[in-house]
PDB file of N, CA and C in Angstrom:
ATOM      1  N   MET A   1       0.812  -1.189   0.000  1.00  0.00           N
ATOM      2  CA  MET A   1       0.000   0.000   0.000  1.00  0.00           C
ATOM      3  C   MET A   1       0.863   1.265   0.000  1.00  0.00           C
ATOM      4  N   ARG A   2       1.919   1.285   0.814  1.00  0.00           N
ATOM      5  CA  ARG A   2       2.807   2.441   0.858  1.00  0.00           C
ATOM      6  C   ARG A   2       3.456   2.682  -0.495  1.00  0.00           C
ATOM      7  N   ARG A   3       3.846   1.619  -1.153  1.00  0.00           N
ATOM      8  CA  ARG A   3       4.491   1.767  -2.465  1.00  0.00           C
ATOM      9  C   ARG A   3       3.541   2.379  -3.473  1.00  0.00           C
ATOM     10  N   VAL A   4       2.294   1.969  -3.443  1.00  0.00           N
ATOM     11  CA  VAL A   4       1.306   2.526  -4.369  1.00  0.00           C
ATOM     12  C   VAL A   4       1.112   4.012  -4.097  1.00  0.00           C
ATOM     13  N   LEU A   5       1.002   4.372  -2.833  1.00  0.00           N
ATOM     14  CA  LEU A   5       0.841   5.774  -2.466  1.00  0.00           C
ATOM     15  C   LEU A   5       2.064   6.595  -2.871  1.00  0.00           C
ATOM     16  N   ALA A   6       3.252   6.081  -2.596  1.00  0.00           N
ATOM     17  CA  ALA A   6       4.478   6.795  -2.955  1.00  0.00           C
ATOM     18  C   ALA A   6       4.591   6.949  -4.461  1.00  0.00           C
ATOM     19  N   LEU A   7       4.265   5.900  -5.205  1.00  0.00           N
ATOM     20  CA  LEU A   7       4.326   5.965  -6.660  1.00  0.00           C
ATOM     21  C   LEU A   7       3.316   6.971  -7.196  1.00  0.00           C
ATOM     22  N   SER A   8       2.105   6.981  -6.641  1.00  0.00           N
ATOM     23  CA  SER A   8       1.111   7.933  -7.121  1.00  0.00           C
ATOM     24  C   SER A   8       1.520   9.370  -6.817  1.00  0.00           C
ATOM     25  N   LEU A   9       2.170   9.592  -5.678  1.00  0.00           N
ATOM     26  CA  LEU A   9       2.657  10.936  -5.354  1.00  0.00           C
ATOM     27  C   LEU A   9       3.767  11.368  -6.300  1.00  0.00           C
ATOM     28  N   LEU A  10       4.654  10.461  -6.629  1.00  0.00           N
ATOM     29  CA  LEU A  10       5.735  10.782  -7.564  1.00  0.00           C
ATOM     30  C   LEU A  10       5.207  11.093  -8.949  1.00  0.00           C
ATOM     31  N   LEU A  11       4.212  10.345  -9.380  1.00  0.00           N
ATOM     32  CA  LEU A  11       3.646  10.578 -10.705  1.00  0.00           C
ATOM     33  C   LEU A  11       2.846  11.872 -10.754  1.00  0.00           C
ATOM     34  N   ALA A  12       2.204  12.232  -9.667  1.00  0.00           N
ATOM     35  CA  ALA A  12       1.389  13.441  -9.627  1.00  0.00           C
ATOM     36  C   ALA A  12       2.235  14.688  -9.405  1.00  0.00           C
ATOM     37  N   ALA A  13       3.407  14.554  -8.823  1.00  0.00           N
ATOM     38  CA  ALA A  13       4.228  15.716  -8.467  1.00  0.00           C
ATOM     39  C   ALA A  13       4.545  16.632  -9.638  1.00  0.00           C
ATOM     40  N   PRO A  14       5.000  16.125 -10.797  1.00  0.00           N
ATOM     41  CA  PRO A  14       5.313  17.058 -11.889  1.00  0.00           C
ATOM     42  C   PRO A  14       4.103  17.855 -12.337  1.00  0.00           C
ATOM     43  N   ALA A  15       2.931  17.238 -12.390  1.00  0.00           N
ATOM     44  CA  ALA A  15       1.737  17.964 -12.803  1.00  0.00           C
ATOM     45  C   ALA A  15       1.359  19.008 -11.753  1.00  0.00           C
ATOM     46  N   ALA A  16       1.478  18.653 -10.500  1.00  0.00           N
ATOM     47  CA  ALA A  16       1.111  19.584  -9.435  1.00  0.00           C
ATOM     48  C   ALA A  16       2.060  20.775  -9.388  1.00  0.00           C
ATOM     49  N   LEU A  17       3.318  20.573  -9.717  1.00  0.00           N
ATOM     50  CA  LEU A  17       4.305  21.642  -9.652  1.00  0.00           C
ATOM     51  C   LEU A  17       4.408  22.453 -10.940  1.00  0.00           C
ATOM     52  N   ALA A  18       3.720  22.021 -11.984  1.00  0.00           N
ATOM     53  CA  ALA A  18       3.846  22.673 -13.281  1.00  0.00           C
ATOM     54  C   ALA A  18       3.523  24.161 -13.209  1.00  0.00           C
ATOM     55  N   HIS A  19       2.527  24.532 -12.422  1.00  0.00           N
ATOM     56  CA  HIS A  19       2.135  25.928 -12.332  1.00  0.00           C
ATOM     57  C   HIS A  19       2.281  26.431 -10.903  1.00  0.00           C
ATOM     58  N   ASP A  20       3.277  25.914 -10.203  1.00  0.00           N
ATOM     59  CA  ASP A  20       3.462  26.332  -8.827  1.00  0.00           C
ATOM     60  C   ASP A  20       4.083  27.718  -8.784  1.00  0.00           C
ATOM     61  N   TYR A  21       3.544  28.553  -7.938  1.00  0.00           N
ATOM     62  CA  TYR A  21       4.029  29.910  -7.766  1.00  0.00           C
ATOM     63  C   TYR A  21       4.825  29.984  -6.469  1.00  0.00           C
ATOM     64  N   PRO A  22       5.839  30.844  -6.409  1.00  0.00           N
ATOM     65  CA  PRO A  22       6.552  31.034  -5.136  1.00  0.00           C
ATOM     66  C   PRO A  22       5.586  31.554  -4.072  1.00  0.00           C
ATOM     67  N   THR A  23       5.825  31.168  -2.854  1.00  0.00           N
ATOM     68  CA  THR A  23       4.971  31.583  -1.744  1.00  0.00           C
ATOM     69  C   THR A  23       4.868  33.100  -1.662  1.00  0.00           C
ATOM     70  N   VAL A  24       5.975  33.793  -1.883  1.00  0.00           N
ATOM     71  CA  VAL A  24       5.971  35.259  -1.810  1.00  0.00           C
ATOM     72  C   VAL A  24       5.033  35.852  -2.862  1.00  0.00           C
ATOM     73  N   ALA A  25       5.017  35.287  -4.054  1.00  0.00           N
ATOM     74  CA  ALA A  25       4.131  35.796  -5.102  1.00  0.00           C
ATOM     75  C   ALA A  25       2.673  35.573  -4.724  1.00  0.00           C
ATOM     76  N   ARG A  26       2.375  34.403  -4.185  1.00  0.00           N
ATOM     77  CA  ARG A  26       1.000  34.128  -3.752  1.00  0.00           C
ATOM     78  C   ARG A  26       0.604  35.081  -2.615  1.00  0.00           C
ATOM     79  N   ALA A  27       1.489  35.256  -1.647  1.00  0.00           N
ATOM     80  CA  ALA A  27       1.193  36.132  -0.509  1.00  0.00           C
ATOM     81  C   ALA A  27       1.010  37.575  -0.969  1.00  0.00           C
ATOM     82  N   ASP A  28       1.847  38.038  -1.888  1.00  0.00           N
ATOM     83  CA  ASP A  28       1.736  39.395  -2.408  1.00  0.00           C
ATOM     84  C   ASP A  28       0.384  39.595  -3.079  1.00  0.00           C
ATOM     85  N   TYR A  29      -0.037  38.632  -3.884  1.00  0.00           N
ATOM     86  CA  TYR A  29      -1.331  38.727  -4.552  1.00  0.00           C
ATOM     87  C   TYR A  29      -2.459  38.777  -3.516  1.00  0.00           C
ATOM     88  N   VAL A  30      -2.406  37.868  -2.545  1.00  0.00           N
ATOM     89  CA  VAL A  30      -3.472  37.792  -1.543  1.00  0.00           C
ATOM     90  C   VAL A  30      -3.537  39.080  -0.730  1.00  0.00           C
ATOM     91  N   LEU A  31      -2.407  39.620  -0.324  1.00  0.00           N
ATOM     92  CA  LEU A  31      -2.410  40.865   0.454  1.00  0.00           C
ATOM     93  C   LEU A  31      -3.008  42.029  -0.336  1.00  0.00           C
ATOM     94  N   GLY A  32      -2.614  42.151  -1.596  1.00  0.00           N
ATOM     95  CA  GLY A  32      -3.174  43.214  -2.441  1.00  0.00           C
ATOM     96  C   GLY A  32      -4.662  43.031  -2.680  1.00  0.00           C
ATOM     97  N   CYS A  33      -5.049  41.800  -2.926  1.00  0.00           N
ATOM     98  CA  CYS A  33      -6.460  41.488  -3.148  1.00  0.00           C
ATOM     99  C   CYS A  33      -7.277  41.769  -1.894  1.00  0.00           C
ATOM    100  N   MET A  34      -6.748  41.375  -0.741  1.00  0.00           N
ATOM    101  CA  MET A  34      -7.459  41.637   0.519  1.00  0.00           C
ATOM    102  C   MET A  34      -7.623  43.128   0.766  1.00  0.00           C
ATOM    103  N   ALA A  35      -6.589  43.894   0.499  1.00  0.00           N
ATOM    104  CA  ALA A  35      -6.670  45.339   0.699  1.00  0.00           C
ATOM    105  C   ALA A  35      -7.770  45.944  -0.178  1.00  0.00           C
ATOM    106  N   ALA A  36      -7.927  45.410  -1.369  1.00  0.00           N
ATOM    107  CA  ALA A  36      -8.950  45.909  -2.283  1.00  0.00           C
ATOM    108  C   ALA A  36     -10.346  45.405  -1.933  1.00  0.00           C
ATOM    109  N   ASN A  37     -10.419  44.400  -1.052  1.00  0.00           N
ATOM    110  CA  ASN A  37     -11.708  43.780  -0.743  1.00  0.00           C
ATOM    111  C   ASN A  37     -12.063  43.801   0.742  1.00  0.00           C
ATOM    112  N   GLY A  38     -11.492  44.731   1.497  1.00  0.00           N
ATOM    113  CA  GLY A  38     -11.939  44.950   2.853  1.00  0.00           C
ATOM    114  C   GLY A  38     -11.151  44.302   3.970  1.00  0.00           C
ATOM    115  N   ASN A  39     -10.070  43.605   3.665  1.00  0.00           N
ATOM    116  CA  ASN A  39      -9.226  42.995   4.709  1.00  0.00           C
ATOM    117  C   ASN A  39     -10.019  42.169   5.729  1.00  0.00           C
ATOM    118  N   THR A  40     -10.936  41.358   5.242  1.00  0.00           N
ATOM    119  CA  THR A  40     -11.734  40.503   6.117  1.00  0.00           C
ATOM    120  C   THR A  40     -11.311  39.049   5.951  1.00  0.00           C
ATOM    121  N   ARG A  41     -11.784  38.215   6.823  1.00  0.00           N
ATOM    122  CA  ARG A  41     -11.523  36.769   6.716  1.00  0.00           C
ATOM    123  C   ARG A  41     -12.102  36.230   5.411  1.00  0.00           C
ATOM    124  N   LEU A  42     -13.286  36.702   5.036  1.00  0.00           N
ATOM    125  CA  LEU A  42     -13.902  36.273   3.784  1.00  0.00           C
ATOM    126  C   LEU A  42     -13.045  36.698   2.592  1.00  0.00           C
ATOM    127  N   ALA A  43     -12.489  37.905   2.651  1.00  0.00           N
ATOM    128  CA  ALA A  43     -11.605  38.372   1.586  1.00  0.00           C
ATOM    129  C   ALA A  43     -10.364  37.481   1.500  1.00  0.00           C
ATOM    130  N   LEU A  44      -9.811  37.087   2.639  1.00  0.00           N
ATOM    131  CA  LEU A  44      -8.659  36.184   2.659  1.00  0.00           C
ATOM    132  C   LEU A  44      -8.986  34.893   1.930  1.00  0.00           C
ATOM    133  N   GLU A  45     -10.114  34.295   2.253  1.00  0.00           N
ATOM    134  CA  GLU A  45     -10.499  33.031   1.622  1.00  0.00           C
ATOM    135  C   GLU A  45     -10.705  33.200   0.126  1.00  0.00           C
ATOM    136  N   ARG A  46     -11.391  34.257  -0.257  1.00  0.00           N
ATOM    137  CA  ARG A  46     -11.671  34.481  -1.679  1.00  0.00           C
ATOM    138  C   ARG A  46     -10.407  34.830  -2.459  1.00  0.00           C
ATOM    139  N   CYS A  47      -9.544  35.617  -1.860  1.00  0.00           N
ATOM    140  CA  CYS A  47      -8.310  36.000  -2.545  1.00  0.00           C
ATOM    141  C   CYS A  47      -7.351  34.817  -2.681  1.00  0.00           C
ATOM    142  N   ALA A  48      -7.286  33.978  -1.651  1.00  0.00           N
ATOM    143  CA  ALA A  48      -6.465  32.773  -1.749  1.00  0.00           C
ATOM    144  C   ALA A  48      -7.010  31.850  -2.838  1.00  0.00           C
ATOM    145  N   CYS A  49      -8.322  31.739  -2.910  1.00  0.00           N
ATOM    146  CA  CYS A  49      -8.965  30.964  -3.971  1.00  0.00           C
ATOM    147  C   CYS A  49      -8.601  31.540  -5.343  1.00  0.00           C
ATOM    148  N   ALA A  50      -8.619  32.859  -5.445  1.00  0.00           N
ATOM    149  CA  ALA A  50      -8.350  33.518  -6.726  1.00  0.00           C
ATOM    150  C   ALA A  50      -6.935  33.251  -7.223  1.00  0.00           C
ATOM    151  N   ILE A  51      -5.937  33.357  -6.350  1.00  0.00           N
ATOM    152  CA  ILE A  51      -4.567  33.121  -6.824  1.00  0.00           C
ATOM    153  C   ILE A  51      -4.379  31.647  -7.169  1.00  0.00           C
ATOM    154  N   ASP A  52      -5.051  30.754  -6.461  1.00  0.00           N
ATOM    155  CA  ASP A  52      -4.995  29.340  -6.822  1.00  0.00           C
ATOM    156  C   ASP A  52      -5.615  29.113  -8.199  1.00  0.00           C
ATOM    157  N   ALA A  53      -6.728  29.786  -8.472  1.00  0.00           N
ATOM    158  CA  ALA A  53      -7.383  29.646  -9.771  1.00  0.00           C
ATOM    159  C   ALA A  53      -6.519  30.224 -10.891  1.00  0.00           C
ATOM    160  N   ILE A  54      -5.875  31.334 -10.628  1.00  0.00           N
ATOM    161  CA  ILE A  54      -4.976  31.933 -11.623  1.00  0.00           C
ATOM    162  C   ILE A  54      -3.792  31.006 -11.873  1.00  0.00           C
ATOM    163  N   ALA A  55      -3.225  30.465 -10.795  1.00  0.00           N
ATOM    164  CA  ALA A  55      -2.076  29.558 -10.931  1.00  0.00           C
ATOM    165  C   ALA A  55      -2.442  28.300 -11.705  1.00  0.00           C
ATOM    166  N   ALA A  56      -3.686  27.875 -11.631  1.00  0.00           N
ATOM    167  CA  ALA A  56      -4.120  26.700 -12.381  1.00  0.00           C
ATOM    168  C   ALA A  56      -4.197  26.995 -13.876  1.00  0.00           C
ATOM    169  N   GLN A  57      -4.328  28.275 -14.230  1.00  0.00           N
ATOM    170  CA  GLN A  57      -4.489  28.656 -15.631  1.00  0.00           C
ATOM    171  C   GLN A  57      -3.203  29.137 -16.291  1.00  0.00           C
ATOM    172  N   LEU A  58      -2.338  29.794 -15.519  1.00  0.00           N
ATOM    173  CA  LEU A  58      -1.139  30.412 -16.100  1.00  0.00           C
ATOM    174  C   LEU A  58       0.123  29.898 -15.422  1.00  0.00           C
ATOM    175  N   PRO A  59       1.124  29.531 -16.197  1.00  0.00           N
ATOM    176  CA  PRO A  59       2.425  29.229 -15.582  1.00  0.00           C
ATOM    177  C   PRO A  59       2.965  30.499 -14.915  1.00  0.00           C
ATOM    178  N   TYR A  60       3.769  30.314 -13.889  1.00  0.00           N
ATOM    179  CA  TYR A  60       4.271  31.454 -13.128  1.00  0.00           C
ATOM    180  C   TYR A  60       5.021  32.444 -14.001  1.00  0.00           C
ATOM    181  N   GLU A  61       5.783  31.969 -14.957  1.00  0.00           N
ATOM    182  CA  GLU A  61       6.571  32.870 -15.812  1.00  0.00           C
ATOM    183  C   GLU A  61       5.662  33.846 -16.559  1.00  0.00           C
ATOM    184  N   ARG A  62       4.515  33.355 -17.041  1.00  0.00           N
ATOM    185  CA  ARG A  62       3.579  34.232 -17.756  1.00  0.00           C
ATOM    186  C   ARG A  62       2.909  35.206 -16.788  1.00  0.00           C
ATOM    187  N   TYR A  63       2.551  34.711 -15.605  1.00  0.00           N
ATOM    188  CA  TYR A  63       1.951  35.576 -14.582  1.00  0.00           C
ATOM    189  C   TYR A  63       2.923  36.692 -14.220  1.00  0.00           C
ATOM    190  N   GLU A  64       4.173  36.336 -13.993  1.00  0.00           N
ATOM    191  CA  GLU A  64       5.183  37.306 -13.594  1.00  0.00           C
ATOM    192  C   GLU A  64       5.399  38.359 -14.681  1.00  0.00           C
ATOM    193  N   ALA A  65       5.447  37.945 -15.942  1.00  0.00           N
ATOM    194  CA  ALA A  65       5.633  38.894 -17.044  1.00  0.00           C
ATOM    195  C   ALA A  65       4.463  39.870 -17.123  1.00  0.00           C
ATOM    196  N   ALA A  66       3.244  39.351 -17.024  1.00  0.00           N
ATOM    197  CA  ALA A  66       2.069  40.216 -17.104  1.00  0.00           C
ATOM    198  C   ALA A  66       1.976  41.127 -15.883  1.00  0.00           C
ATOM    199  N   ASP A  67       2.239  40.596 -14.713  1.00  0.00           N
ATOM    200  CA  ASP A  67       2.185  41.396 -13.495  1.00  0.00           C
ATOM    201  C   ASP A  67       3.223  42.522 -13.541  1.00  0.00           C
ATOM    202  N   THR A  68       4.411  42.218 -14.019  1.00  0.00           N
ATOM    203  CA  THR A  68       5.459  43.239 -14.149  1.00  0.00           C
ATOM    204  C   THR A  68       5.022  44.334 -15.111  1.00  0.00           C
ATOM    205  N   ALA A  69       4.464  43.937 -16.244  1.00  0.00           N
ATOM    206  CA  ALA A  69       4.002  44.928 -17.222  1.00  0.00           C
ATOM    207  C   ALA A  69       2.918  45.813 -16.617  1.00  0.00           C
ATOM    208  N   LEU A  70       1.969  45.220 -15.902  1.00  0.00           N
ATOM    209  CA  LEU A  70       0.895  46.005 -15.294  1.00  0.00           C
ATOM    210  C   LEU A  70       1.430  46.962 -14.238  1.00  0.00           C
ATOM    211  N   ARG A  71       2.399  46.504 -13.455  1.00  0.00           N
ATOM    212  CA  ARG A  71       2.985  47.383 -12.428  1.00  0.00           C
ATOM    213  C   ARG A  71       3.737  48.543 -13.071  1.00  0.00           C
ATOM    214  N   MET A  72       4.422  48.269 -14.164  1.00  0.00           N
ATOM    215  CA  MET A  72       5.157  49.334 -14.856  1.00  0.00           C
ATOM    216  C   MET A  72       4.185  50.345 -15.462  1.00  0.00           C
ATOM    217  N   LEU A  73       3.093  49.859 -16.024  1.00  0.00           N
ATOM    218  CA  LEU A  73       2.113  50.771 -16.606  1.00  0.00           C
ATOM    219  C   LEU A  73       1.427  51.608 -15.532  1.00  0.00           C
ATOM    220  N   ALA A  74       1.206  51.032 -14.377  1.00  0.00           N
ATOM    221  CA  ALA A  74       0.566  51.762 -13.281  1.00  0.00           C
ATOM    222  C   ALA A  74       1.481  52.850 -12.728  1.00  0.00           C
ATOM    223  N   GLY A  75       2.774  52.723 -12.988  1.00  0.00           N
ATOM    224  CA  GLY A  75       3.735  53.701 -12.488  1.00  0.00           C
ATOM    225  C   GLY A  75       3.791  54.974 -13.296  1.00  0.00           C
ATOM    226  N   ASN A  76       2.934  55.110 -14.324  1.00  0.00           N
ATOM    227  CA  ASN A  76       2.893  56.321 -15.152  1.00  0.00           C
ATOM    228  C   ASN A  76       4.284  56.701 -15.650  1.00  0.00           C
ATOM    229  N   LEU A  77       4.893  55.812 -16.409  1.00  0.00           N
ATOM    230  CA  LEU A  77       6.260  56.028 -16.884  1.00  0.00           C
ATOM    231  C   LEU A  77       6.340  56.844 -18.172  1.00  0.00           C
ATOM    232  N   GLY A  78       5.208  57.241 -18.705  1.00  0.00           N
ATOM    233  CA  GLY A  78       5.224  58.031 -19.934  1.00  0.00           C
ATOM    234  C   GLY A  78       5.843  57.263 -21.084  1.00  0.00           C
ATOM    235  N   GLU A  79       6.785  57.880 -21.775  1.00  0.00           N
ATOM    236  CA  GLU A  79       7.449  57.236 -22.914  1.00  0.00           C
ATOM    237  C   GLU A  79       8.178  55.966 -22.517  1.00  0.00           C
ATOM    238  N   ARG A  80       8.761  55.961 -21.323  1.00  0.00           N
ATOM    239  CA  ARG A  80       9.486  54.774 -20.868  1.00  0.00           C
ATOM    240  C   ARG A  80       8.554  53.584 -20.704  1.00  0.00           C
ATOM    241  N   GLY A  81       7.277  53.825 -20.503  1.00  0.00           N
ATOM    242  CA  GLY A  81       6.302  52.753 -20.343  1.00  0.00           C
ATOM    243  C   GLY A  81       5.925  52.096 -21.653  1.00  0.00           C
ATOM    244  N   ALA A  82       6.350  52.677 -22.781  1.00  0.00           N
ATOM    245  CA  ALA A  82       6.002  52.118 -24.086  1.00  0.00           C
ATOM    246  C   ALA A  82       6.513  50.693 -24.244  1.00  0.00           C
ATOM    247  N   ALA A  83       7.636  50.374 -23.651  1.00  0.00           N
ATOM    248  CA  ALA A  83       8.180  49.020 -23.745  1.00  0.00           C
ATOM    249  C   ALA A  83       7.258  47.997 -23.098  1.00  0.00           C
ATOM    250  N   PHE A  84       6.419  48.443 -22.167  1.00  0.00           N
ATOM    251  CA  PHE A  84       5.491  47.538 -21.501  1.00  0.00           C
ATOM    252  C   PHE A  84       4.072  47.659 -22.042  1.00  0.00           C
ATOM    253  N   ARG A  85       3.827  48.679 -22.842  1.00  0.00           N
ATOM    254  CA  ARG A  85       2.489  48.942 -23.339  1.00  0.00           C
ATOM    255  C   ARG A  85       2.330  48.490 -24.785  1.00  0.00           C
ATOM    256  N   ASP A  86       3.355  48.653 -25.590  1.00  0.00           N
ATOM    257  CA  ASP A  86       3.202  48.517 -27.024  1.00  0.00           C
ATOM    258  C   ASP A  86       3.445  47.133 -27.629  1.00  0.00           C
ATOM    259  N   PRO A  87       4.429  46.368 -27.183  1.00  0.00           N
ATOM    260  CA  PRO A  87       4.700  45.096 -27.859  1.00  0.00           C
ATOM    261  C   PRO A  87       3.508  44.133 -27.779  1.00  0.00           C
ATOM    262  N   PRO A  88       3.162  43.504 -28.914  1.00  0.00           N
ATOM    263  CA  PRO A  88       2.020  42.582 -28.938  1.00  0.00           C
ATOM    264  C   PRO A  88       2.170  41.423 -27.946  1.00  0.00           C
ATOM    265  N   GLN A  89       3.386  40.949 -27.752  1.00  0.00           N
ATOM    266  CA  GLN A  89       3.589  39.836 -26.827  1.00  0.00           C
ATOM    267  C   GLN A  89       3.248  40.260 -25.390  1.00  0.00           C
ATOM    268  N   VAL A  90       3.624  41.475 -25.017  1.00  0.00           N
ATOM    269  CA  VAL A  90       3.318  41.973 -23.672  1.00  0.00           C
ATOM    270  C   VAL A  90       1.814  42.142 -23.526  1.00  0.00           C
ATOM    271  N   ARG A  91       1.174  42.707 -24.539  1.00  0.00           N
ATOM    272  CA  ARG A  91      -0.276  42.871 -24.494  1.00  0.00           C
ATOM    273  C   ARG A  91      -0.980  41.522 -24.380  1.00  0.00           C
ATOM    274  N   ALA A  92      -0.463  40.509 -25.079  1.00  0.00           N
ATOM    275  CA  ALA A  92      -1.059  39.172 -25.011  1.00  0.00           C
ATOM    276  C   ALA A  92      -0.933  38.574 -23.612  1.00  0.00           C
ATOM    277  N   GLU A  93       0.221  38.788 -22.974  1.00  0.00           N
ATOM    278  CA  GLU A  93       0.410  38.277 -21.607  1.00  0.00           C
ATOM    279  C   GLU A  93      -0.520  38.979 -20.629  1.00  0.00           C
ATOM    280  N   VAL A  94      -0.663  40.282 -20.777  1.00  0.00           N
ATOM    281  CA  VAL A  94      -1.555  41.044 -19.896  1.00  0.00           C
ATOM    282  C   VAL A  94      -2.997  40.577 -20.092  1.00  0.00           C
ATOM    283  N   GLU A  95      -3.394  40.369 -21.329  1.00  0.00           N
ATOM    284  CA  GLU A  95      -4.758  39.899 -21.590  1.00  0.00           C
ATOM    285  C   GLU A  95      -4.983  38.502 -21.029  1.00  0.00           C
ATOM    286  N   ALA A  96      -3.983  37.636 -21.110  1.00  0.00           N
ATOM    287  CA  ALA A  96      -4.099  36.293 -20.533  1.00  0.00           C
ATOM    288  C   ALA A  96      -4.290  36.378 -19.019  1.00  0.00           C
ATOM    289  N   LEU A  97      -3.551  37.264 -18.368  1.00  0.00           N
ATOM    290  CA  LEU A  97      -3.707  37.444 -16.927  1.00  0.00           C
ATOM    291  C   LEU A  97      -5.083  38.016 -16.607  1.00  0.00           C
ATOM    292  N   ARG A  98      -5.538  38.972 -17.373  1.00  0.00           N
ATOM    293  CA  ARG A  98      -6.864  39.561 -17.120  1.00  0.00           C
ATOM    294  C   ARG A  98      -7.970  38.514 -17.294  1.00  0.00           C
ATOM    295  N   ARG A  99      -7.828  37.648 -18.294  1.00  0.00           N
ATOM    296  CA  ARG A  99      -8.810  36.567 -18.476  1.00  0.00           C
ATOM    297  C   ARG A  99      -8.788  35.612 -17.289  1.00  0.00           C
ATOM    298  N   ALA A 100      -7.580  35.260 -16.848  1.00  0.00           N
ATOM    299  CA  ALA A 100      -7.451  34.367 -15.696  1.00  0.00           C
ATOM    300  C   ALA A 100      -8.047  35.010 -14.448  1.00  0.00           C
ATOM    301  N   GLN A 101      -7.820  36.306 -14.265  1.00  0.00           N
ATOM    302  CA  GLN A 101      -8.387  37.009 -13.120  1.00  0.00           C
ATOM    303  C   GLN A 101      -9.913  37.062 -13.194  1.00  0.00           C
ATOM    304  N   ALA A 102     -10.439  37.259 -14.388  1.00  0.00           N
ATOM    305  CA  ALA A 102     -11.899  37.294 -14.551  1.00  0.00           C
ATOM    306  C   ALA A 102     -12.505  35.935 -14.216  1.00  0.00           C
ATOM    307  N   GLU A 103     -11.881  34.871 -14.693  1.00  0.00           N
ATOM    308  CA  GLU A 103     -12.372  33.535 -14.375  1.00  0.00           C
ATOM    309  C   GLU A 103     -12.249  33.247 -12.885  1.00  0.00           C
ATOM    310  N   ALA A 104     -11.148  33.690 -12.270  1.00  0.00           N
ATOM    311  CA  ALA A 104     -10.969  33.509 -10.831  1.00  0.00           C
ATOM    312  C   ALA A 104     -12.024  34.277 -10.053  1.00  0.00           C
ATOM    313  N   THR A 105     -12.374  35.458 -10.504  1.00  0.00           N
ATOM    314  CA  THR A 105     -13.397  36.249  -9.849  1.00  0.00           C
ATOM    315  C   THR A 105     -14.744  35.531  -9.908  1.00  0.00           C
ATOM    316  N   LEU A 106     -15.078  34.993 -11.059  1.00  0.00           N
ATOM    317  CA  LEU A 106     -16.338  34.256 -11.192  1.00  0.00           C
ATOM    318  C   LEU A 106     -16.360  33.029 -10.284  1.00  0.00           C
ATOM    319  N   GLN A 107     -15.223  32.374 -10.174  1.00  0.00           N
ATOM    320  CA  GLN A 107     -15.136  31.159  -9.379  1.00  0.00           C
ATOM    321  C   GLN A 107     -15.104  31.444  -7.881  1.00  0.00           C
ATOM    322  N   CYS A 108     -14.415  32.484  -7.468  1.00  0.00           N
ATOM    323  CA  CYS A 108     -14.109  32.691  -6.044  1.00  0.00           C
ATOM    324  C   CYS A 108     -14.888  33.810  -5.370  1.00  0.00           C
ATOM    325  N   PHE A 109     -15.492  34.692  -6.144  1.00  0.00           N
ATOM    326  CA  PHE A 109     -16.247  35.814  -5.584  1.00  0.00           C
ATOM    327  C   PHE A 109     -17.697  35.723  -6.042  1.00  0.00           C
ATOM    328  N   PRO A 110     -18.409  34.709  -5.545  1.00  0.00           N
ATOM    329  CA  PRO A 110     -19.807  34.512  -6.027  1.00  0.00           C
ATOM    330  C   PRO A 110     -20.743  35.625  -5.616  1.00  0.00           C
TER     331      PRO A 110
END
């Protein structure tokens, strides 16, 4: 029985880790989400659900690229922000994150 359990854990591990996010990234998302949603216990649960739902949809590298672009655009960089605003690949990553966030909102904020 132990061997079967150990084997199933080994086989499931690569799939489970495929979209694993660093703890700091998850915590940063949850803290920001909670601040935007009232800093309540319910907000904690919903925000944790949301980052889990996003992580299920996007690999961390894509999330990080889109999040970086959004943070740079929010910084009002003017012309310097064009590198994060104009390239089609950056826009595609941002749109993928926005879609994932919308789906997470539907799933976690009923």
